[in-house]
Amino acid sequence: MRIANPMMSVPGAMKALLDLSEAAAKTGLDKDYVELICLRVSIMNGCGMCIDYHTKLLRQAHVADEKVYAVAGWRDVPYYSDAEKAGFALAEQITHVHVSDDVWDEAAKHYSEKELAGLVIAIGAINLWNRMNVATQQKVA
C-alpha cells in the first residue's frame, strides 16, 4: 500500500505549493491559459487526478470545448494563438527536462520576463503535483 498524499501528511507542504502557484498567478498570465498548461502537463505525466481537476476547472471557467479537448494535439489544431503554442512547447520541454534555445526564444517573444518566470513556476508546480499524485497512486474522487 502506498502512503497517503504527501501534501496532506507533511505540515506546511500544501500551503507551500499553493503559495507557489499563487505567486505564478500574480505574474499577469491568463488564468485559463495556465489551467490549459496544467492540463497538458498532467496528460503528459499520466496524472488522472490532475487531468480530472483541471478539466473541471476549465469547464467551470467556460473555456471553449475545442481548447480543452484538443490540448494534447495543440500543434495540429487552429484553436491556440502563437503565444499559447509557444507556452505549450515550453511546458513540454520543461516536463521532459530539456529546453532548447529555439523553444525558449520563441516563448520569450510572447511573454514578458515576469510572465515567463510565472510560466516556468506554474509548469514546475504542476509537474510536482503530478509526480506526487502518480507516485502515491492518488485516485479521482
N, C-alpha and C. Protein backbone atom coordinates (compact mmCIF):
# COMPACT_ATOMS: atom_id res chain seq x y z
N MET A 1 0.84 -1.19 0.00
CA MET A 1 0.00 0.00 0.00
C MET A 1 0.88 1.25 0.00
N ARG A 2 0.52 2.23 -0.80
CA ARG A 2 1.25 3.48 -0.88
C ARG A 2 0.90 4.38 0.29
N ILE A 3 1.75 5.38 0.51
CA ILE A 3 1.46 6.36 1.55
C ILE A 3 0.32 7.27 1.10
N ALA A 4 -0.24 7.98 2.06
CA ALA A 4 -1.26 8.97 1.74
C ALA A 4 -0.61 10.11 0.97
N ASN A 5 -1.40 11.00 0.47
CA ASN A 5 -0.89 12.14 -0.27
C ASN A 5 0.11 12.92 0.59
N PRO A 6 1.36 13.06 0.14
CA PRO A 6 2.37 13.76 0.92
C PRO A 6 1.99 15.19 1.26
N MET A 7 1.20 15.82 0.42
CA MET A 7 0.80 17.20 0.67
C MET A 7 -0.08 17.30 1.92
N MET A 8 -0.77 16.22 2.24
CA MET A 8 -1.63 16.20 3.42
C MET A 8 -0.88 15.67 4.65
N SER A 9 0.20 14.95 4.42
CA SER A 9 0.92 14.30 5.51
C SER A 9 2.03 15.15 6.12
N VAL A 10 2.56 16.07 5.36
CA VAL A 10 3.68 16.89 5.83
C VAL A 10 3.16 18.30 6.13
N PRO A 11 3.22 18.69 7.40
CA PRO A 11 2.73 20.03 7.76
C PRO A 11 3.42 21.13 6.94
N GLY A 12 2.60 22.00 6.39
CA GLY A 12 3.11 23.14 5.63
C GLY A 12 3.33 22.88 4.16
N ALA A 13 3.35 21.62 3.74
CA ALA A 13 3.63 21.30 2.34
C ALA A 13 2.54 21.82 1.41
N MET A 14 1.29 21.58 1.77
CA MET A 14 0.18 22.03 0.93
C MET A 14 0.21 23.55 0.79
N LYS A 15 0.37 24.26 1.88
CA LYS A 15 0.41 25.72 1.84
C LYS A 15 1.57 26.21 0.97
N ALA A 16 2.73 25.56 1.09
CA ALA A 16 3.90 25.98 0.31
C ALA A 16 3.64 25.86 -1.18
N LEU A 17 3.05 24.76 -1.61
CA LEU A 17 2.81 24.57 -3.04
C LEU A 17 1.68 25.48 -3.52
N LEU A 18 0.67 25.67 -2.70
CA LEU A 18 -0.40 26.61 -3.07
C LEU A 18 0.14 28.03 -3.18
N ASP A 19 1.03 28.40 -2.25
CA ASP A 19 1.66 29.73 -2.31
C ASP A 19 2.49 29.89 -3.58
N LEU A 20 3.20 28.84 -3.97
CA LEU A 20 4.00 28.88 -5.19
C LEU A 20 3.10 29.10 -6.41
N SER A 21 2.02 28.36 -6.47
CA SER A 21 1.08 28.52 -7.59
C SER A 21 0.44 29.90 -7.58
N GLU A 22 0.13 30.41 -6.41
CA GLU A 22 -0.45 31.75 -6.30
C GLU A 22 0.54 32.82 -6.78
N ALA A 23 1.81 32.64 -6.45
CA ALA A 23 2.83 33.59 -6.91
C ALA A 23 2.90 33.60 -8.43
N ALA A 24 2.86 32.43 -9.04
CA ALA A 24 2.89 32.35 -10.50
C ALA A 24 1.67 33.04 -11.11
N ALA A 25 0.53 32.92 -10.44
CA ALA A 25 -0.71 33.53 -10.95
C ALA A 25 -0.66 35.05 -10.92
N LYS A 26 0.22 35.62 -10.11
CA LYS A 26 0.31 37.08 -9.99
C LYS A 26 1.26 37.71 -11.00
N THR A 27 1.68 36.96 -12.00
CA THR A 27 2.65 37.48 -12.97
C THR A 27 2.00 38.04 -14.23
N GLY A 28 0.68 38.01 -14.28
CA GLY A 28 -0.01 38.57 -15.43
C GLY A 28 -0.44 37.54 -16.47
N LEU A 29 -0.13 36.29 -16.23
CA LEU A 29 -0.56 35.24 -17.16
C LEU A 29 -2.07 35.04 -17.08
N ASP A 30 -2.69 34.71 -18.20
CA ASP A 30 -4.11 34.41 -18.22
C ASP A 30 -4.37 33.13 -17.43
N LYS A 31 -5.27 33.22 -16.45
CA LYS A 31 -5.55 32.09 -15.55
C LYS A 31 -6.03 30.86 -16.33
N ASP A 32 -6.92 31.05 -17.28
CA ASP A 32 -7.44 29.92 -18.05
C ASP A 32 -6.33 29.27 -18.87
N TYR A 33 -5.42 30.08 -19.38
CA TYR A 33 -4.31 29.51 -20.14
C TYR A 33 -3.40 28.68 -19.24
N VAL A 34 -3.15 29.15 -18.04
CA VAL A 34 -2.33 28.37 -17.10
C VAL A 34 -3.02 27.04 -16.81
N GLU A 35 -4.33 27.04 -16.70
CA GLU A 35 -5.06 25.78 -16.49
C GLU A 35 -4.90 24.85 -17.70
N LEU A 36 -4.90 25.41 -18.91
CA LEU A 36 -4.65 24.58 -20.10
C LEU A 36 -3.25 23.98 -20.05
N ILE A 37 -2.27 24.77 -19.64
CA ILE A 37 -0.90 24.27 -19.48
C ILE A 37 -0.89 23.13 -18.46
N CYS A 38 -1.56 23.34 -17.33
CA CYS A 38 -1.60 22.30 -16.30
C CYS A 38 -2.25 21.03 -16.82
N LEU A 39 -3.30 21.18 -17.61
CA LEU A 39 -3.96 20.02 -18.21
C LEU A 39 -3.00 19.29 -19.15
N ARG A 40 -2.31 20.04 -20.01
CA ARG A 40 -1.38 19.42 -20.96
C ARG A 40 -0.28 18.65 -20.23
N VAL A 41 0.33 19.26 -19.24
CA VAL A 41 1.40 18.61 -18.50
C VAL A 41 0.87 17.39 -17.75
N SER A 42 -0.32 17.50 -17.19
CA SER A 42 -0.91 16.37 -16.47
C SER A 42 -1.18 15.19 -17.40
N ILE A 43 -1.60 15.48 -18.63
CA ILE A 43 -1.79 14.42 -19.62
C ILE A 43 -0.44 13.75 -19.91
N MET A 44 0.58 14.56 -20.10
CA MET A 44 1.92 14.01 -20.38
C MET A 44 2.40 13.11 -19.25
N ASN A 45 2.11 13.50 -18.01
CA ASN A 45 2.58 12.76 -16.85
C ASN A 45 1.64 11.64 -16.42
N GLY A 46 0.50 11.51 -17.07
CA GLY A 46 -0.44 10.45 -16.73
C GLY A 46 -1.05 10.60 -15.35
N CYS A 47 -1.31 11.84 -14.94
CA CYS A 47 -1.89 12.09 -13.62
C CYS A 47 -3.40 12.27 -13.76
N GLY A 48 -4.13 11.18 -13.61
CA GLY A 48 -5.58 11.21 -13.76
C GLY A 48 -6.27 12.18 -12.83
N MET A 49 -5.78 12.28 -11.60
CA MET A 49 -6.38 13.20 -10.64
C MET A 49 -6.29 14.64 -11.14
N CYS A 50 -5.12 15.05 -11.65
CA CYS A 50 -4.95 16.42 -12.13
C CYS A 50 -5.63 16.63 -13.48
N ILE A 51 -5.69 15.62 -14.33
CA ILE A 51 -6.42 15.73 -15.59
C ILE A 51 -7.88 16.04 -15.28
N ASP A 52 -8.46 15.29 -14.37
CA ASP A 52 -9.85 15.49 -13.98
C ASP A 52 -10.05 16.88 -13.38
N TYR A 53 -9.19 17.25 -12.46
CA TYR A 53 -9.30 18.53 -11.75
C TYR A 53 -9.22 19.72 -12.72
N HIS A 54 -8.20 19.75 -13.57
CA HIS A 54 -8.01 20.91 -14.45
C HIS A 54 -9.05 20.94 -15.56
N THR A 55 -9.52 19.79 -16.02
CA THR A 55 -10.60 19.76 -16.99
C THR A 55 -11.87 20.38 -16.40
N LYS A 56 -12.16 20.01 -15.15
CA LYS A 56 -13.35 20.57 -14.50
C LYS A 56 -13.22 22.08 -14.29
N LEU A 57 -12.03 22.55 -13.89
CA LEU A 57 -11.82 24.00 -13.72
C LEU A 57 -12.01 24.73 -15.05
N LEU A 58 -11.50 24.17 -16.12
CA LEU A 58 -11.63 24.80 -17.43
C LEU A 58 -13.08 24.84 -17.88
N ARG A 59 -13.83 23.78 -17.62
CA ARG A 59 -15.25 23.76 -17.98
C ARG A 59 -16.03 24.79 -17.16
N GLN A 60 -15.70 24.88 -15.85
CA GLN A 60 -16.36 25.87 -14.99
C GLN A 60 -16.07 27.30 -15.44
N ALA A 61 -14.89 27.50 -16.00
CA ALA A 61 -14.50 28.83 -16.49
C ALA A 61 -15.05 29.11 -17.89
N HIS A 62 -15.76 28.16 -18.44
CA HIS A 62 -16.37 28.28 -19.77
C HIS A 62 -15.35 28.47 -20.88
N VAL A 63 -14.19 27.83 -20.71
CA VAL A 63 -13.20 27.81 -21.79
C VAL A 63 -13.79 26.97 -22.92
N ALA A 64 -13.59 27.40 -24.15
CA ALA A 64 -14.16 26.70 -25.30
C ALA A 64 -13.80 25.22 -25.27
N ASP A 65 -14.81 24.39 -25.51
CA ASP A 65 -14.60 22.94 -25.50
C ASP A 65 -13.45 22.51 -26.40
N GLU A 66 -13.34 23.15 -27.57
CA GLU A 66 -12.26 22.77 -28.51
C GLU A 66 -10.89 22.91 -27.87
N LYS A 67 -10.72 23.99 -27.12
CA LYS A 67 -9.43 24.24 -26.48
C LYS A 67 -9.14 23.19 -25.40
N VAL A 68 -10.17 22.79 -24.69
CA VAL A 68 -9.99 21.80 -23.62
C VAL A 68 -9.71 20.43 -24.22
N TYR A 69 -10.54 20.00 -25.16
CA TYR A 69 -10.44 18.64 -25.68
C TYR A 69 -9.23 18.43 -26.59
N ALA A 70 -8.74 19.49 -27.20
CA ALA A 70 -7.65 19.34 -28.16
C ALA A 70 -6.28 19.66 -27.59
N VAL A 71 -6.19 19.88 -26.28
CA VAL A 71 -4.93 20.33 -25.69
C VAL A 71 -3.78 19.34 -25.96
N ALA A 72 -4.06 18.06 -26.02
CA ALA A 72 -2.99 17.09 -26.27
C ALA A 72 -2.47 17.18 -27.71
N GLY A 73 -3.29 17.69 -28.60
CA GLY A 73 -2.89 17.81 -30.01
C GLY A 73 -2.74 19.26 -30.43
N TRP A 74 -2.27 20.10 -29.52
CA TRP A 74 -2.23 21.55 -29.74
C TRP A 74 -1.51 21.96 -31.01
N ARG A 75 -0.54 21.17 -31.46
CA ARG A 75 0.21 21.54 -32.67
C ARG A 75 -0.65 21.42 -33.94
N ASP A 76 -1.65 20.56 -33.88
CA ASP A 76 -2.38 20.17 -35.08
C ASP A 76 -3.76 20.78 -35.23
N VAL A 77 -4.12 21.70 -34.34
CA VAL A 77 -5.44 22.33 -34.40
C VAL A 77 -5.29 23.85 -34.43
N PRO A 78 -6.31 24.55 -34.94
CA PRO A 78 -6.21 26.01 -35.08
C PRO A 78 -6.71 26.81 -33.87
N TYR A 79 -6.89 26.18 -32.74
CA TYR A 79 -7.57 26.83 -31.62
C TYR A 79 -6.68 27.68 -30.73
N TYR A 80 -5.38 27.62 -30.91
CA TYR A 80 -4.45 28.28 -30.00
C TYR A 80 -3.64 29.36 -30.71
N SER A 81 -3.39 30.43 -30.00
CA SER A 81 -2.58 31.53 -30.54
C SER A 81 -1.11 31.11 -30.60
N ASP A 82 -0.31 31.91 -31.28
CA ASP A 82 1.13 31.63 -31.33
C ASP A 82 1.74 31.68 -29.93
N ALA A 83 1.26 32.60 -29.10
CA ALA A 83 1.77 32.68 -27.72
C ALA A 83 1.42 31.42 -26.94
N GLU A 84 0.19 30.95 -27.08
CA GLU A 84 -0.22 29.72 -26.39
C GLU A 84 0.60 28.53 -26.87
N LYS A 85 0.83 28.45 -28.17
CA LYS A 85 1.63 27.35 -28.70
C LYS A 85 3.06 27.40 -28.18
N ALA A 86 3.61 28.61 -28.08
CA ALA A 86 4.97 28.75 -27.54
C ALA A 86 5.02 28.27 -26.09
N GLY A 87 3.99 28.58 -25.32
CA GLY A 87 3.92 28.14 -23.93
C GLY A 87 3.76 26.63 -23.82
N PHE A 88 2.95 26.04 -24.68
CA PHE A 88 2.80 24.58 -24.68
C PHE A 88 4.13 23.90 -25.00
N ALA A 89 4.84 24.42 -25.98
CA ALA A 89 6.14 23.84 -26.34
C ALA A 89 7.10 23.94 -25.17
N LEU A 90 7.11 25.08 -24.49
CA LEU A 90 7.96 25.24 -23.32
C LEU A 90 7.56 24.26 -22.22
N ALA A 91 6.27 24.13 -21.98
CA ALA A 91 5.78 23.20 -20.95
C ALA A 91 6.22 21.77 -21.24
N GLU A 92 6.12 21.37 -22.49
CA GLU A 92 6.53 20.01 -22.84
C GLU A 92 8.02 19.81 -22.63
N GLN A 93 8.81 20.78 -23.02
CA GLN A 93 10.25 20.61 -22.87
C GLN A 93 10.68 20.68 -21.41
N ILE A 94 10.07 21.55 -20.62
CA ILE A 94 10.39 21.57 -19.19
C ILE A 94 10.01 20.24 -18.56
N THR A 95 8.87 19.70 -18.94
CA THR A 95 8.43 18.41 -18.40
C THR A 95 9.40 17.30 -18.76
N HIS A 96 9.99 17.39 -19.94
CA HIS A 96 10.99 16.40 -20.37
C HIS A 96 12.40 16.76 -19.90
N VAL A 97 12.52 17.84 -19.15
CA VAL A 97 13.78 18.31 -18.55
C VAL A 97 14.84 18.59 -19.61
N HIS A 98 14.42 19.19 -20.71
CA HIS A 98 15.35 19.67 -21.73
C HIS A 98 14.67 20.80 -22.49
N VAL A 99 15.18 21.99 -22.34
CA VAL A 99 14.59 23.15 -23.02
C VAL A 99 15.60 23.67 -24.03
N SER A 100 15.23 23.57 -25.31
CA SER A 100 16.11 24.06 -26.37
C SER A 100 16.08 25.58 -26.41
N ASP A 101 17.14 26.15 -26.95
CA ASP A 101 17.19 27.61 -27.11
C ASP A 101 16.08 28.09 -28.03
N ASP A 102 15.76 27.34 -29.07
CA ASP A 102 14.70 27.74 -30.00
C ASP A 102 13.35 27.86 -29.30
N VAL A 103 13.02 26.87 -28.48
CA VAL A 103 11.74 26.90 -27.77
C VAL A 103 11.73 28.03 -26.75
N TRP A 104 12.83 28.19 -26.02
CA TRP A 104 12.91 29.28 -25.04
C TRP A 104 12.77 30.64 -25.72
N ASP A 105 13.49 30.83 -26.81
CA ASP A 105 13.46 32.11 -27.52
C ASP A 105 12.07 32.42 -28.08
N GLU A 106 11.38 31.39 -28.57
CA GLU A 106 10.02 31.60 -29.09
C GLU A 106 9.08 32.01 -27.96
N ALA A 107 9.18 31.37 -26.83
CA ALA A 107 8.33 31.74 -25.69
C ALA A 107 8.65 33.17 -25.23
N ALA A 108 9.92 33.51 -25.23
CA ALA A 108 10.34 34.84 -24.78
C ALA A 108 9.83 35.95 -25.71
N LYS A 109 9.49 35.61 -26.95
CA LYS A 109 8.91 36.59 -27.87
C LYS A 109 7.49 36.98 -27.45
N HIS A 110 6.82 36.08 -26.75
CA HIS A 110 5.40 36.27 -26.45
C HIS A 110 5.10 36.67 -25.02
N TYR A 111 6.07 36.49 -24.14
CA TYR A 111 5.84 36.74 -22.72
C TYR A 111 6.91 37.66 -22.16
N SER A 112 6.49 38.54 -21.25
CA SER A 112 7.46 39.38 -20.56
C SER A 112 8.33 38.49 -19.67
N GLU A 113 9.40 39.05 -19.14
CA GLU A 113 10.26 38.27 -18.24
C GLU A 113 9.47 37.77 -17.03
N LYS A 114 8.62 38.64 -16.48
CA LYS A 114 7.80 38.26 -15.33
C LYS A 114 6.82 37.15 -15.69
N GLU A 115 6.15 37.27 -16.84
CA GLU A 115 5.22 36.25 -17.27
C GLU A 115 5.94 34.93 -17.56
N LEU A 116 7.10 35.03 -18.19
CA LEU A 116 7.88 33.83 -18.49
C LEU A 116 8.29 33.13 -17.20
N ALA A 117 8.70 33.90 -16.20
CA ALA A 117 9.04 33.33 -14.90
C ALA A 117 7.82 32.65 -14.29
N GLY A 118 6.67 33.30 -14.39
CA GLY A 118 5.44 32.71 -13.87
C GLY A 118 5.08 31.42 -14.58
N LEU A 119 5.28 31.40 -15.88
CA LEU A 119 5.01 30.19 -16.66
C LEU A 119 5.92 29.05 -16.23
N VAL A 120 7.19 29.34 -16.06
CA VAL A 120 8.14 28.31 -15.62
C VAL A 120 7.77 27.80 -14.22
N ILE A 121 7.40 28.71 -13.33
CA ILE A 121 6.98 28.29 -11.99
C ILE A 121 5.72 27.44 -12.05
N ALA A 122 4.73 27.87 -12.83
CA ALA A 122 3.49 27.11 -12.94
C ALA A 122 3.74 25.71 -13.51
N ILE A 123 4.60 25.62 -14.50
CA ILE A 123 4.93 24.32 -15.10
C ILE A 123 5.66 23.44 -14.09
N GLY A 124 6.59 24.03 -13.36
CA GLY A 124 7.29 23.26 -12.33
C GLY A 124 6.34 22.77 -11.25
N ALA A 125 5.40 23.64 -10.84
CA ALA A 125 4.45 23.27 -9.79
C ALA A 125 3.55 22.12 -10.23
N ILE A 126 3.01 22.20 -11.46
CA ILE A 126 2.11 21.12 -11.88
C ILE A 126 2.90 19.82 -12.05
N ASN A 127 4.14 19.90 -12.47
CA ASN A 127 4.95 18.68 -12.55
C ASN A 127 5.13 18.07 -11.16
N LEU A 128 5.34 18.90 -10.14
CA LEU A 128 5.47 18.39 -8.78
C LEU A 128 4.17 17.74 -8.33
N TRP A 129 3.04 18.42 -8.53
CA TRP A 129 1.75 17.82 -8.18
C TRP A 129 1.58 16.48 -8.87
N ASN A 130 1.82 16.44 -10.18
CA ASN A 130 1.65 15.21 -10.95
C ASN A 130 2.51 14.08 -10.40
N ARG A 131 3.77 14.37 -10.15
CA ARG A 131 4.68 13.33 -9.71
C ARG A 131 4.31 12.78 -8.33
N MET A 132 3.86 13.64 -7.44
CA MET A 132 3.43 13.15 -6.13
C MET A 132 2.16 12.31 -6.26
N ASN A 133 1.21 12.76 -7.07
CA ASN A 133 -0.03 12.02 -7.24
C ASN A 133 0.20 10.67 -7.91
N VAL A 134 1.04 10.65 -8.93
CA VAL A 134 1.33 9.39 -9.63
C VAL A 134 2.08 8.44 -8.71
N ALA A 135 3.08 8.95 -7.99
CA ALA A 135 3.89 8.10 -7.10
C ALA A 135 3.04 7.45 -6.00
N THR A 136 2.05 8.19 -5.50
CA THR A 136 1.24 7.67 -4.41
C THR A 136 -0.11 7.11 -4.89
N GLN A 137 -0.25 7.03 -6.20
CA GLN A 137 -1.44 6.47 -6.85
C GLN A 137 -2.74 7.11 -6.37
N GLN A 138 -2.76 8.43 -6.35
CA GLN A 138 -3.97 9.15 -5.97
C GLN A 138 -5.05 8.91 -7.02
N LYS A 139 -6.26 8.75 -6.58
CA LYS A 139 -7.39 8.44 -7.46
C LYS A 139 -8.34 9.63 -7.58
N VAL A 140 -9.01 9.69 -8.69
CA VAL A 140 -10.05 10.70 -8.90
C VAL A 140 -11.18 10.39 -7.94
N ALA A 141 -11.62 11.41 -7.23
CA ALA A 141 -12.71 11.20 -6.25
C ALA A 141 -14.05 11.20 -6.93
